[in-house]
Structures are given as structure tokens and as C-alpha cells.
Amino acid sequence: MNIQRWIARREPNWQRLDALLRQLEHKGLKSLKAAEIREVASLYRSVAADLARARTQQVGNILIHNLQSLTTRAYTQIYQGSRRQEWQAVWDFYLWGFPAVIQKTFPYIATATALFFVGLLVGWWYAWQDPTFMSLIVPESLISQVRDKGELWMGSIVGIEPLASSGIMINNIKVSFGAVAGGMTAGAFTTYIMVFNGLLIGAIATLVGQNNLAYPFWAFVFPHGALELPAIFFAGGAGLLLAKAILFPGKYRRGDALKLYGSQAVQLVFGIVPMLVVAGIIEGFISPNPIIPDPLKYLFGLGLFIILVIYCNRKHTSVTR
């Protein structure tokens, strides 16, 4: 092999790959057109073959070193760059994708929310009218603590915040996943979870109201409830999406409907997990904290809810070039 002639013939490819890599390294993947991205991959394979040939032909250590460096840079951009794209995709989902899927599936989320509030109103009304109804929903130990001792139960969290916070997170995630999976029962279990949780909150609201503890109780609920309750409503909406695919697939075959609505349900699940983690931290460290004044807890919860509403109404306005 005429080494000089081979180098002269192959060198434009090396220079071209080096130029594209410099652009990638300084300006990122978005600076390249689709054809240039494909060109990088093609040139990488070509230069890797050149490196193998250079090693067998003993063309010189300097050239081998330069080709080795070039292929290493290309490998880094192609493979580690793909991992960066994956993280970018995660970031884009939480920035734009999650609000978009909430807006798209809002009728199902609204239905799940309505089921919860129907349960809440029924629980509040019947508990107020009939004390025996409350004992069917609320644990007796909790009723006794509020009625007999005149105190709320949240103080038990103080002093064991990390343990309580992790337990709260796990419980909330279990409830939410149960609401989602309940869609596979044609929505029956999802409906049960939403209504039962509403009944429970309504009965507890009556209990604390009758014992003049409503103000500190809702001061406890507001900070974490601003995220926790919407997350459960989103989970209920995801379960109802699955129920729709099973019961009313419409123009789709049932399997195709499950794929379509199941994909939306999974996106809702991805979105609510961080919400429940943050809510668990707040419920463990902020909501029961006696040092934080109750008015501040109300303001914190209200502010968090307003931020969530603004976030959920975000619309992605991208400019294509």
C-alpha cells in the first residue's frame, strides 16, 4: 500500500469528522442538521476502519494516535451523547410533556376528582348527621384522640420526620398505583379508591369540625395536600383511561386502545411520582412542624397549588427551523 497516497485519499474524511465533532463539542447536537448527524455516524465507522488499517500497515505512531483520538471523540459524542439525549428527553417531559398529557386527559382527571368530592360531601354529611357512620370510616383510635383528648394526631410525626416522610411517600405511591391499576377492573377499583378516600376526608373533616380543630387540621393538610391530592386525582384519571380502553375502545381494537390510552396513563404515572415524593417530604417535615405558624402553612399550600395550576397549563411553543 502506498501510504502517502492512502493518507491523501482518506484525510478529507478525517478533517470533516474533526470539524463536525468540534461543532458538536462546542454547540451541542442541536447545532447539526439531520443529514450531518447521519454523516457523523458514517464517518465514525469509516475512520474506525482507517484506524484498524493504519495499525496493521505500520503507518506511524503519530497518525495512529491522531486517528485513535478522533475515533474516541466520535464514540463519546455518539454513545455518551445519546445518554445526554435521554436525560434531555426526561427534562423535556417534565418541562412540557407532563402538562400536555394532563391537558389531553383532563376529562378523565376531572371525573376522578368529581368522584372524590362526591365521596367527600357524602362522608361529611352522613358523619355530621349520624355519629355511627363516622366510626365505620374513621379508625376508633383517631376518633378517641380527637374527641376525648381534644388533640390532633399529627404530633406523632415530630421527632421521626425522616421515617415518617418515607412511610408517607410509600403509602401515597401505593394508593396512586392502586388507582391506576384499578382501571384494569373496568374502573371499578379506581372508582372505589376515589370515593373511599373522599368519604374518609369528609368524615375526618366533620370530626375535627365538631371538636373545634378544623383550623389546625387544614393547616396541616394544605402544605402537602396541594400536591398530594392532585397527584391522586391524576392517578384516578389514569385508571379511568384504562377503563375507557376496556369498556369503550371506540374506533380502535381493544388491544390498540389499551396501547394508546395505556401510554397516556403511564405518562401520568411518571409525572405523579415526583409530586408524591415532594408531598411526602412536605408532610413529614413542614406540615406537622409546630414551629411554623398555621397562617404560613395555609399560604405555603395555596402558593404551591397556584404554581401547580400554572405549570399544568403550560403550552409548548417550539420554533422549527
C-alpha atoms as a PDB file:
ATOM      1  CA  MET A   1       0.000   0.000   0.000  1.00  0.00           C
ATOM      2  CA  ASN A   2       1.256   3.458  -0.911  1.00  0.00           C
ATOM      3  CA  ILE A   3       0.908   5.107   2.484  1.00  0.00           C
ATOM      4  CA  GLN A   4       1.153   8.716   1.271  1.00  0.00           C
ATOM      5  CA  ARG A   5      -1.466   8.172  -1.404  1.00  0.00           C
ATOM      6  CA  TRP A   6      -3.760   6.414   1.115  1.00  0.00           C
ATOM      7  CA  ILE A   7      -3.390   9.263   3.611  1.00  0.00           C
ATOM      8  CA  ALA A   8      -4.112  11.864   0.918  1.00  0.00           C
ATOM      9  CA  ARG A   9      -7.250   9.982  -0.115  1.00  0.00           C
ATOM     10  CA  ARG A  10      -8.569   9.441   3.430  1.00  0.00           C
ATOM     11  CA  GLU A  11      -7.507  12.721   5.056  1.00  0.00           C
ATOM     12  CA  PRO A  12     -10.555  14.787   3.876  1.00  0.00           C
ATOM     13  CA  ASN A  13     -12.816  12.374   5.795  1.00  0.00           C
ATOM     14  CA  TRP A  14     -10.734  12.821   8.943  1.00  0.00           C
ATOM     15  CA  GLN A  15     -10.811  16.575   8.634  1.00  0.00           C
ATOM     16  CA  ARG A  16     -14.550  16.566   8.003  1.00  0.00           C
ATOM     17  CA  LEU A  17     -15.218  14.381  11.065  1.00  0.00           C
ATOM     18  CA  ASP A  18     -12.949  16.599  13.179  1.00  0.00           C
ATOM     19  CA  ALA A  19     -14.877  19.716  12.063  1.00  0.00           C
ATOM     20  CA  LEU A  20     -18.262  18.141  12.862  1.00  0.00           C
ATOM     21  CA  LEU A  21     -17.023  16.936  16.248  1.00  0.00           C
ATOM     22  CA  ARG A  22     -15.731  20.400  17.117  1.00  0.00           C
ATOM     23  CA  GLN A  23     -19.157  21.815  16.344  1.00  0.00           C
ATOM     24  CA  LEU A  24     -20.810  19.122  18.463  1.00  0.00           C
ATOM     25  CA  GLU A  25     -18.433  19.676  21.365  1.00  0.00           C
ATOM     26  CA  HIS A  26     -18.905  23.434  21.409  1.00  0.00           C
ATOM     27  CA  LYS A  27     -22.521  23.939  20.337  1.00  0.00           C
ATOM     28  CA  GLY A  28     -24.261  20.631  21.040  1.00  0.00           C
ATOM     29  CA  LEU A  29     -26.331  18.241  18.963  1.00  0.00           C
ATOM     30  CA  LYS A  30     -28.977  20.830  18.068  1.00  0.00           C
ATOM     31  CA  SER A  31     -26.399  22.752  16.038  1.00  0.00           C
ATOM     32  CA  LEU A  32     -26.249  19.915  13.462  1.00  0.00           C
ATOM     33  CA  LYS A  33     -28.792  19.153  10.776  1.00  0.00           C
ATOM     34  CA  ALA A  34     -30.221  15.656  10.485  1.00  0.00           C
ATOM     35  CA  ALA A  35     -28.009  14.871   7.483  1.00  0.00           C
ATOM     36  CA  GLU A  36     -24.912  15.995   9.394  1.00  0.00           C
ATOM     37  CA  ILE A  37     -25.803  13.756  12.349  1.00  0.00           C
ATOM     38  CA  ARG A  38     -26.014  10.776   9.987  1.00  0.00           C
ATOM     39  CA  GLU A  39     -22.715  11.892   8.437  1.00  0.00           C
ATOM     40  CA  VAL A  40     -21.002  11.818  11.852  1.00  0.00           C
ATOM     41  CA  ALA A  41     -22.094   8.210  12.373  1.00  0.00           C
ATOM     42  CA  SER A  42     -20.945   7.211   8.886  1.00  0.00           C
ATOM     43  CA  LEU A  43     -17.587   8.972   9.218  1.00  0.00           C
ATOM     44  CA  TYR A  44     -17.043   7.391  12.640  1.00  0.00           C
ATOM     45  CA  ARG A  45     -17.342   3.901  11.136  1.00  0.00           C
ATOM     46  CA  SER A  46     -15.078   4.898   8.247  1.00  0.00           C
ATOM     47  CA  VAL A  47     -12.375   6.394  10.481  1.00  0.00           C
ATOM     48  CA  ALA A  48     -12.532   3.400  12.841  1.00  0.00           C
ATOM     49  CA  ALA A  49     -11.800   1.185   9.824  1.00  0.00           C
ATOM     50  CA  ASP A  50      -8.944   3.530   8.852  1.00  0.00           C
ATOM     51  CA  LEU A  51      -7.519   3.218  12.365  1.00  0.00           C
ATOM     52  CA  ALA A  52      -7.559  -0.571  12.155  1.00  0.00           C
ATOM     53  CA  ARG A  53      -5.826  -0.449   8.773  1.00  0.00           C
ATOM     54  CA  ALA A  54      -3.245   2.061   9.986  1.00  0.00           C
ATOM     55  CA  ARG A  55      -2.312  -0.236  12.850  1.00  0.00           C
ATOM     56  CA  THR A  56      -1.777  -3.222  10.558  1.00  0.00           C
ATOM     57  CA  GLN A  57       0.224  -1.217   7.980  1.00  0.00           C
ATOM     58  CA  GLN A  58       2.548   0.449  10.494  1.00  0.00           C
ATOM     59  CA  VAL A  59       1.918   3.956   9.143  1.00  0.00           C
ATOM     60  CA  GLY A  60       3.457   5.723  12.154  1.00  0.00           C
ATOM     61  CA  ASN A  61       2.645   6.298  15.777  1.00  0.00           C
ATOM     62  CA  ILE A  62       1.620   9.945  15.348  1.00  0.00           C
ATOM     63  CA  LEU A  63      -1.025   9.170  12.730  1.00  0.00           C
ATOM     64  CA  ILE A  64      -2.308   6.199  14.731  1.00  0.00           C
ATOM     65  CA  HIS A  65      -2.537   8.405  17.809  1.00  0.00           C
ATOM     66  CA  ASN A  66      -4.452  11.087  15.894  1.00  0.00           C
ATOM     67  CA  LEU A  67      -6.900   8.556  14.455  1.00  0.00           C
ATOM     68  CA  GLN A  68      -7.337   6.987  17.897  1.00  0.00           C
ATOM     69  CA  SER A  69      -8.147  10.396  19.358  1.00  0.00           C
ATOM     70  CA  LEU A  70     -10.594  11.114  16.554  1.00  0.00           C
ATOM     71  CA  THR A  71     -12.461   7.820  16.972  1.00  0.00           C
ATOM     72  CA  THR A  72     -12.579   8.256  20.764  1.00  0.00           C
ATOM     73  CA  ARG A  73     -14.120  11.714  20.409  1.00  0.00           C
ATOM     74  CA  ALA A  74     -16.646  10.407  17.894  1.00  0.00           C
ATOM     75  CA  TYR A  75     -17.536   7.460  20.135  1.00  0.00           C
ATOM     76  CA  THR A  76     -18.061   9.812  23.066  1.00  0.00           C
ATOM     77  CA  GLN A  77     -20.398  12.044  21.083  1.00  0.00           C
ATOM     78  CA  ILE A  78     -22.393   9.206  19.545  1.00  0.00           C
ATOM     79  CA  TYR A  79     -22.851   6.961  22.575  1.00  0.00           C
ATOM     80  CA  GLN A  80     -22.493   9.227  25.591  1.00  0.00           C
ATOM     81  CA  GLY A  81     -24.293  11.886  23.600  1.00  0.00           C
ATOM     82  CA  SER A  82     -27.255   9.517  23.246  1.00  0.00           C
ATOM     83  CA  ARG A  83     -27.366   9.241  27.035  1.00  0.00           C
ATOM     84  CA  ARG A  84     -27.420  13.024  27.248  1.00  0.00           C
ATOM     85  CA  GLN A  85     -30.324  12.970  24.817  1.00  0.00           C
ATOM     86  CA  GLU A  86     -32.137  10.543  27.109  1.00  0.00           C
ATOM     87  CA  TRP A  87     -31.698  12.894  30.056  1.00  0.00           C
ATOM     88  CA  GLN A  88     -32.782  15.756  27.819  1.00  0.00           C
ATOM     89  CA  ALA A  89     -35.902  13.781  26.926  1.00  0.00           C
ATOM     90  CA  VAL A  90     -36.672  13.312  30.644  1.00  0.00           C
ATOM     91  CA  TRP A  91     -36.183  17.041  31.237  1.00  0.00           C
ATOM     92  CA  ASP A  92     -38.400  17.915  28.269  1.00  0.00           C
ATOM     93  CA  PHE A  93     -41.117  15.556  29.526  1.00  0.00           C
ATOM     94  CA  TYR A  94     -41.328  17.186  32.939  1.00  0.00           C
ATOM     95  CA  LEU A  95     -40.997  20.640  31.411  1.00  0.00           C
ATOM     96  CA  TRP A  96     -43.584  20.246  28.640  1.00  0.00           C
ATOM     97  CA  GLY A  97     -44.779  16.665  28.159  1.00  0.00           C
ATOM     98  CA  PHE A  98     -46.439  16.178  31.547  1.00  0.00           C
ATOM     99  CA  PRO A  99     -48.513  19.381  31.324  1.00  0.00           C
ATOM    100  CA  ALA A 100     -49.503  18.387  27.770  1.00  0.00           C
ATOM    101  CA  VAL A 101     -50.751  14.929  28.811  1.00  0.00           C
ATOM    102  CA  ILE A 102     -52.658  16.465  31.741  1.00  0.00           C
ATOM    103  CA  GLN A 103     -54.422  18.820  29.332  1.00  0.00           C
ATOM    104  CA  LYS A 104     -55.142  15.983  26.894  1.00  0.00           C
ATOM    105  CA  THR A 105     -56.583  13.689  29.572  1.00  0.00           C
ATOM    106  CA  PHE A 106     -58.280  16.394  31.634  1.00  0.00           C
ATOM    107  CA  PRO A 107     -61.850  14.989  31.256  1.00  0.00           C
ATOM    108  CA  TYR A 108     -60.740  11.739  32.940  1.00  0.00           C
ATOM    109  CA  ILE A 109     -58.856  13.606  35.677  1.00  0.00           C
ATOM    110  CA  ALA A 110     -61.906  15.813  36.230  1.00  0.00           C
ATOM    111  CA  THR A 111     -64.128  12.718  36.518  1.00  0.00           C
ATOM    112  CA  ALA A 112     -61.791  11.160  39.102  1.00  0.00           C
ATOM    113  CA  THR A 113     -61.754  14.458  41.002  1.00  0.00           C
ATOM    114  CA  ALA A 114     -65.557  14.615  40.922  1.00  0.00           C
ATOM    115  CA  LEU A 115     -65.781  11.069  42.345  1.00  0.00           C
ATOM    116  CA  PHE A 116     -63.509  12.118  45.209  1.00  0.00           C
ATOM    117  CA  PHE A 117     -65.555  15.211  46.034  1.00  0.00           C
ATOM    118  CA  VAL A 118     -68.851  13.331  45.812  1.00  0.00           C
ATOM    119  CA  GLY A 119     -67.411  10.927  48.390  1.00  0.00           C
ATOM    120  CA  LEU A 120     -66.180  13.857  50.487  1.00  0.00           C
ATOM    121  CA  LEU A 121     -69.598  15.538  50.547  1.00  0.00           C
ATOM    122  CA  VAL A 122     -71.398  12.279  51.333  1.00  0.00           C
ATOM    123  CA  GLY A 123     -68.898  11.468  54.095  1.00  0.00           C
ATOM    124  CA  TRP A 124     -69.157  14.943  55.584  1.00  0.00           C
ATOM    125  CA  TRP A 125     -72.982  14.945  55.508  1.00  0.00           C
ATOM    126  CA  TYR A 126     -73.572  11.468  56.918  1.00  0.00           C
ATOM    127  CA  ALA A 127     -70.869  11.807  59.574  1.00  0.00           C
ATOM    128  CA  TRP A 128     -72.463  15.043  60.722  1.00  0.00           C
ATOM    129  CA  GLN A 129     -75.944  13.502  60.817  1.00  0.00           C
ATOM    130  CA  ASP A 130     -75.062  10.085  62.228  1.00  0.00           C
ATOM    131  CA  PRO A 131     -72.056   9.556  64.562  1.00  0.00           C
ATOM    132  CA  THR A 132     -72.167   5.798  63.958  1.00  0.00           C
ATOM    133  CA  PHE A 133     -71.386   6.393  60.286  1.00  0.00           C
ATOM    134  CA  MET A 134     -68.102   8.066  61.245  1.00  0.00           C
ATOM    135  CA  SER A 135     -66.970   5.003  63.173  1.00  0.00           C
ATOM    136  CA  LEU A 136     -67.421   2.928  60.015  1.00  0.00           C
ATOM    137  CA  ILE A 137     -64.931   5.085  58.103  1.00  0.00           C
ATOM    138  CA  VAL A 138     -62.507   6.616  60.624  1.00  0.00           C
ATOM    139  CA  PRO A 139     -60.326   4.439  62.928  1.00  0.00           C
ATOM    140  CA  GLU A 140     -61.660   4.382  66.505  1.00  0.00           C
ATOM    141  CA  SER A 141     -58.278   5.353  67.971  1.00  0.00           C
ATOM    142  CA  LEU A 142     -58.260   8.538  65.905  1.00  0.00           C
ATOM    143  CA  ILE A 143     -61.838   9.376  66.903  1.00  0.00           C
ATOM    144  CA  SER A 144     -60.972   8.852  70.564  1.00  0.00           C
ATOM    145  CA  GLN A 145     -57.873  11.045  70.360  1.00  0.00           C
ATOM    146  CA  VAL A 146     -59.798  13.933  68.826  1.00  0.00           C
ATOM    147  CA  ARG A 147     -62.986  13.673  70.901  1.00  0.00           C
ATOM    148  CA  ASP A 148     -61.605  12.603  74.267  1.00  0.00           C
ATOM    149  CA  LYS A 149     -58.189  14.278  74.312  1.00  0.00           C
ATOM    150  CA  GLY A 150     -59.070  17.249  72.115  1.00  0.00           C
ATOM    151  CA  GLU A 151     -55.892  16.933  70.056  1.00  0.00           C
ATOM    152  CA  LEU A 152     -54.865  16.040  66.520  1.00  0.00           C
ATOM    153  CA  TRP A 153     -52.713  13.018  65.697  1.00  0.00           C
ATOM    154  CA  MET A 154     -50.038  14.766  63.608  1.00  0.00           C
ATOM    155  CA  GLY A 155     -47.766  15.370  66.591  1.00  0.00           C
ATOM    156  CA  SER A 156     -46.631  11.752  66.396  1.00  0.00           C
ATOM    157  CA  ILE A 157     -44.643  12.681  63.271  1.00  0.00           C
ATOM    158  CA  VAL A 158     -42.486  15.247  65.103  1.00  0.00           C
ATOM    159  CA  GLY A 159     -39.143  13.721  66.059  1.00  0.00           C
ATOM    160  CA  ILE A 160     -39.278  10.912  63.488  1.00  0.00           C
ATOM    161  CA  GLU A 161     -39.551  13.070  60.371  1.00  0.00           C
ATOM    162  CA  PRO A 162     -37.309  11.032  58.002  1.00  0.00           C
ATOM    163  CA  LEU A 163     -39.037   7.741  58.898  1.00  0.00           C
ATOM    164  CA  ALA A 164     -42.499   9.278  58.731  1.00  0.00           C
ATOM    165  CA  SER A 165     -41.759  11.033  55.452  1.00  0.00           C
ATOM    166  CA  SER A 166     -40.566   7.851  53.726  1.00  0.00           C
ATOM    167  CA  GLY A 167     -43.570   5.924  55.039  1.00  0.00           C
ATOM    168  CA  ILE A 168     -45.944   8.617  53.794  1.00  0.00           C
ATOM    169  CA  MET A 169     -44.318   8.587  50.345  1.00  0.00           C
ATOM    170  CA  ILE A 170     -44.628   4.805  50.059  1.00  0.00           C
ATOM    171  CA  ASN A 171     -48.254   4.833  51.189  1.00  0.00           C
ATOM    172  CA  ASN A 172     -49.235   7.617  48.781  1.00  0.00           C
ATOM    173  CA  ILE A 173     -47.490   5.892  45.874  1.00  0.00           C
ATOM    174  CA  LYS A 174     -49.279   2.624  46.739  1.00  0.00           C
ATOM    175  CA  VAL A 175     -52.656   4.396  46.784  1.00  0.00           C
ATOM    176  CA  SER A 176     -51.928   6.126  43.470  1.00  0.00           C
ATOM    177  CA  PHE A 177     -50.679   2.965  41.779  1.00  0.00           C
ATOM    178  CA  GLY A 178     -53.762   1.179  43.072  1.00  0.00           C
ATOM    179  CA  ALA A 179     -55.948   3.838  41.468  1.00  0.00           C
ATOM    180  CA  VAL A 180     -54.098   3.376  38.159  1.00  0.00           C
ATOM    181  CA  ALA A 181     -54.145  -0.424  38.249  1.00  0.00           C
ATOM    182  CA  GLY A 182     -57.822  -0.270  39.189  1.00  0.00           C
ATOM    183  CA  GLY A 183     -58.507   0.702  35.605  1.00  0.00           C
ATOM    184  CA  MET A 184     -57.951  -2.946  34.669  1.00  0.00           C
ATOM    185  CA  THR A 185     -61.091  -3.814  36.670  1.00  0.00           C
ATOM    186  CA  ALA A 186     -63.035  -1.698  34.149  1.00  0.00           C
ATOM    187  CA  GLY A 187     -62.578   1.239  36.513  1.00  0.00           C
ATOM    188  CA  ALA A 188     -64.459  -0.318  39.453  1.00  0.00           C
ATOM    189  CA  PHE A 189     -61.487  -0.332  41.846  1.00  0.00           C
ATOM    190  CA  THR A 190     -60.383   3.128  40.684  1.00  0.00           C
ATOM    191  CA  THR A 191     -63.867   4.446  41.457  1.00  0.00           C
ATOM    192  CA  TYR A 192     -63.782   2.747  44.861  1.00  0.00           C
ATOM    193  CA  ILE A 193     -60.429   4.307  45.770  1.00  0.00           C
ATOM    194  CA  MET A 194     -61.508   7.803  44.747  1.00  0.00           C
ATOM    195  CA  VAL A 195     -64.876   7.624  46.526  1.00  0.00           C
ATOM    196  CA  PHE A 196     -63.499   5.937  49.665  1.00  0.00           C
ATOM    197  CA  ASN A 197     -60.715   8.500  50.077  1.00  0.00           C
ATOM    198  CA  GLY A 198     -63.306  11.232  49.645  1.00  0.00           C
ATOM    199  CA  LEU A 199     -65.535   9.594  52.294  1.00  0.00           C
ATOM    200  CA  LEU A 200     -62.563   9.376  54.663  1.00  0.00           C
ATOM    201  CA  ILE A 201     -61.573  13.034  54.261  1.00  0.00           C
ATOM    202  CA  GLY A 202     -65.210  14.130  54.574  1.00  0.00           C
ATOM    203  CA  ALA A 203     -65.731  12.149  57.786  1.00  0.00           C
ATOM    204  CA  ILE A 204     -62.470  13.434  59.277  1.00  0.00           C
ATOM    205  CA  ALA A 205     -63.460  16.990  58.314  1.00  0.00           C
ATOM    206  CA  THR A 206     -66.670  16.515  60.316  1.00  0.00           C
ATOM    207  CA  LEU A 207     -64.754  15.028  63.252  1.00  0.00           C
ATOM    208  CA  VAL A 208     -62.297  17.919  63.552  1.00  0.00           C
ATOM    209  CA  GLY A 209     -65.046  20.468  62.874  1.00  0.00           C
ATOM    210  CA  GLN A 210     -67.218  19.135  65.683  1.00  0.00           C
ATOM    211  CA  ASN A 211     -64.266  19.372  68.081  1.00  0.00           C
ATOM    212  CA  ASN A 212     -63.053  22.846  67.077  1.00  0.00           C
ATOM    213  CA  LEU A 213     -59.870  21.551  65.485  1.00  0.00           C
ATOM    214  CA  ALA A 214     -60.673  22.360  61.845  1.00  0.00           C
ATOM    215  CA  TYR A 215     -58.273  25.300  61.599  1.00  0.00           C
ATOM    216  CA  PRO A 216     -55.099  23.436  62.712  1.00  0.00           C
ATOM    217  CA  PHE A 217     -56.208  20.327  60.796  1.00  0.00           C
ATOM    218  CA  TRP A 218     -56.494  22.132  57.463  1.00  0.00           C
ATOM    219  CA  ALA A 219     -53.282  23.999  58.242  1.00  0.00           C
ATOM    220  CA  PHE A 220     -51.669  20.569  58.351  1.00  0.00           C
ATOM    221  CA  VAL A 221     -53.364  19.387  55.145  1.00  0.00           C
ATOM    222  CA  PHE A 222     -52.817  22.452  52.947  1.00  0.00           C
ATOM    223  CA  PRO A 223     -48.987  22.333  52.502  1.00  0.00           C
ATOM    224  CA  HIS A 224     -48.694  18.741  51.276  1.00  0.00           C
ATOM    225  CA  GLY A 225     -52.275  18.380  50.045  1.00  0.00           C
ATOM    226  CA  ALA A 226     -51.595  20.969  47.346  1.00  0.00           C
ATOM    227  CA  LEU A 227     -49.532  18.292  45.565  1.00  0.00           C
ATOM    228  CA  GLU A 228     -50.739  15.040  47.099  1.00  0.00           C
ATOM    229  CA  LEU A 229     -54.429  15.360  46.246  1.00  0.00           C
ATOM    230  CA  PRO A 230     -53.893  16.481  42.619  1.00  0.00           C
ATOM    231  CA  ALA A 231     -51.439  13.587  42.194  1.00  0.00           C
ATOM    232  CA  ILE A 232     -54.113  11.148  43.380  1.00  0.00           C
ATOM    233  CA  PHE A 233     -56.616  12.776  41.008  1.00  0.00           C
ATOM    234  CA  PHE A 234     -54.134  12.330  38.135  1.00  0.00           C
ATOM    235  CA  ALA A 235     -53.728   8.674  39.143  1.00  0.00           C
ATOM    236  CA  GLY A 236     -57.504   8.257  39.152  1.00  0.00           C
ATOM    237  CA  GLY A 237     -57.628   9.803  35.680  1.00  0.00           C
ATOM    238  CA  ALA A 238     -55.003   7.307  34.513  1.00  0.00           C
ATOM    239  CA  GLY A 239     -57.108   4.436  35.857  1.00  0.00           C
ATOM    240  CA  LEU A 240     -60.198   5.756  34.075  1.00  0.00           C
ATOM    241  CA  LEU A 241     -58.195   5.956  30.835  1.00  0.00           C
ATOM    242  CA  LEU A 242     -57.506   2.233  31.089  1.00  0.00           C
ATOM    243  CA  ALA A 243     -61.167   1.621  31.893  1.00  0.00           C
ATOM    244  CA  LYS A 244     -62.184   3.511  28.755  1.00  0.00           C
ATOM    245  CA  ALA A 245     -59.863   1.353  26.642  1.00  0.00           C
ATOM    246  CA  ILE A 246     -61.525  -1.787  28.048  1.00  0.00           C
ATOM    247  CA  LEU A 247     -65.150  -0.647  28.034  1.00  0.00           C
ATOM    248  CA  PHE A 248     -65.316   1.884  25.206  1.00  0.00           C
ATOM    249  CA  PRO A 249     -62.445   1.326  22.738  1.00  0.00           C
ATOM    250  CA  GLY A 250     -64.406   3.236  20.092  1.00  0.00           C
ATOM    251  CA  LYS A 251     -62.918   3.029  16.610  1.00  0.00           C
ATOM    252  CA  TYR A 252     -59.884   1.107  17.913  1.00  0.00           C
ATOM    253  CA  ARG A 253     -59.499  -2.572  18.567  1.00  0.00           C
ATOM    254  CA  ARG A 254     -59.387  -3.174  22.302  1.00  0.00           C
ATOM    255  CA  GLY A 255     -55.681  -4.060  22.214  1.00  0.00           C
ATOM    256  CA  ASP A 256     -54.841  -0.910  20.249  1.00  0.00           C
ATOM    257  CA  ALA A 257     -56.987   1.186  22.587  1.00  0.00           C
ATOM    258  CA  LEU A 258     -55.096  -0.218  25.585  1.00  0.00           C
ATOM    259  CA  LYS A 259     -51.792   0.731  23.949  1.00  0.00           C
ATOM    260  CA  LEU A 260     -52.985   4.257  23.173  1.00  0.00           C
ATOM    261  CA  TYR A 261     -54.664   5.073  26.476  1.00  0.00           C
ATOM    262  CA  GLY A 262     -52.167   2.978  28.415  1.00  0.00           C
ATOM    263  CA  SER A 263     -49.359   5.153  27.054  1.00  0.00           C
ATOM    264  CA  GLN A 264     -51.124   8.264  28.345  1.00  0.00           C
ATOM    265  CA  ALA A 265     -51.733   6.575  31.702  1.00  0.00           C
ATOM    266  CA  VAL A 266     -48.037   5.678  32.006  1.00  0.00           C
ATOM    267  CA  GLN A 267     -47.061   9.272  31.283  1.00  0.00           C
ATOM    268  CA  LEU A 268     -49.368  10.417  34.081  1.00  0.00           C
ATOM    269  CA  VAL A 269     -47.720   7.899  36.426  1.00  0.00           C
ATOM    270  CA  PHE A 270     -44.244   9.200  35.529  1.00  0.00           C
ATOM    271  CA  GLY A 271     -45.456  12.685  36.339  1.00  0.00           C
ATOM    272  CA  ILE A 272     -47.110  11.983  39.680  1.00  0.00           C
ATOM    273  CA  VAL A 273     -44.225  10.068  41.292  1.00  0.00           C
ATOM    274  CA  PRO A 274     -42.071  13.213  41.814  1.00  0.00           C
ATOM    275  CA  MET A 275     -45.184  15.048  43.047  1.00  0.00           C
ATOM    276  CA  LEU A 276     -45.784  12.362  45.691  1.00  0.00           C
ATOM    277  CA  VAL A 277     -42.128  12.342  46.738  1.00  0.00           C
ATOM    278  CA  VAL A 278     -42.171  16.113  47.275  1.00  0.00           C
ATOM    279  CA  ALA A 279     -45.566  15.889  49.024  1.00  0.00           C
ATOM    280  CA  GLY A 280     -44.187  13.198  51.346  1.00  0.00           C
ATOM    281  CA  ILE A 281     -41.216  15.386  52.267  1.00  0.00           C
ATOM    282  CA  ILE A 282     -43.522  18.323  52.978  1.00  0.00           C
ATOM    283  CA  GLU A 283     -45.908  16.147  55.016  1.00  0.00           C
ATOM    284  CA  GLY A 284     -43.035  14.780  57.052  1.00  0.00           C
ATOM    285  CA  PHE A 285     -41.082  17.977  57.689  1.00  0.00           C
ATOM    286  CA  ILE A 286     -43.317  21.035  57.123  1.00  0.00           C
ATOM    287  CA  SER A 287     -46.991  20.156  57.652  1.00  0.00           C
ATOM    288  CA  PRO A 288     -46.677  18.901  61.279  1.00  0.00           C
ATOM    289  CA  ASN A 289     -43.913  21.327  62.296  1.00  0.00           C
ATOM    290  CA  PRO A 290     -45.162  23.257  65.362  1.00  0.00           C
ATOM    291  CA  ILE A 291     -42.594  25.998  64.825  1.00  0.00           C
ATOM    292  CA  ILE A 292     -44.214  27.091  61.531  1.00  0.00           C
ATOM    293  CA  PRO A 293     -47.303  29.269  62.177  1.00  0.00           C
ATOM    294  CA  ASP A 294     -50.588  27.955  60.787  1.00  0.00           C
ATOM    295  CA  PRO A 295     -51.235  31.031  58.587  1.00  0.00           C
ATOM    296  CA  LEU A 296     -47.856  30.464  56.933  1.00  0.00           C
ATOM    297  CA  LYS A 297     -48.790  26.825  56.239  1.00  0.00           C
ATOM    298  CA  TYR A 298     -52.013  27.982  54.562  1.00  0.00           C
ATOM    299  CA  LEU A 299     -50.084  30.476  52.426  1.00  0.00           C
ATOM    300  CA  PHE A 300     -47.466  27.866  51.546  1.00  0.00           C
ATOM    301  CA  GLY A 301     -50.107  25.360  50.431  1.00  0.00           C
ATOM    302  CA  LEU A 302     -52.037  27.974  48.463  1.00  0.00           C
ATOM    303  CA  GLY A 303     -48.877  29.205  46.740  1.00  0.00           C
ATOM    304  CA  LEU A 304     -47.825  25.659  45.865  1.00  0.00           C
ATOM    305  CA  PHE A 305     -51.238  24.926  44.390  1.00  0.00           C
ATOM    306  CA  ILE A 306     -51.188  28.093  42.280  1.00  0.00           C
ATOM    307  CA  ILE A 307     -47.745  27.143  40.940  1.00  0.00           C
ATOM    308  CA  LEU A 308     -49.067  23.656  40.097  1.00  0.00           C
ATOM    309  CA  VAL A 309     -52.059  25.110  38.223  1.00  0.00           C
ATOM    310  CA  ILE A 310     -49.796  27.431  36.228  1.00  0.00           C
ATOM    311  CA  TYR A 311     -47.438  24.534  35.465  1.00  0.00           C
ATOM    312  CA  CYS A 312     -50.272  22.257  34.310  1.00  0.00           C
ATOM    313  CA  ASN A 313     -51.485  24.925  31.884  1.00  0.00           C
ATOM    314  CA  ARG A 314     -48.118  25.389  30.195  1.00  0.00           C
ATOM    315  CA  LYS A 315     -48.128  25.076  26.430  1.00  0.00           C
ATOM    316  CA  HIS A 316     -45.021  24.287  24.402  1.00  0.00           C
ATOM    317  CA  THR A 317     -44.370  26.834  21.645  1.00  0.00           C
ATOM    318  CA  SER A 318     -41.401  25.476  19.718  1.00  0.00           C
ATOM    319  CA  VAL A 319     -39.884  27.045  16.634  1.00  0.00           C
ATOM    320  CA  THR A 320     -38.799  24.606  13.951  1.00  0.00           C
ATOM    321  CA  ARG A 321     -36.042  25.563  11.611  1.00  0.00           C
END
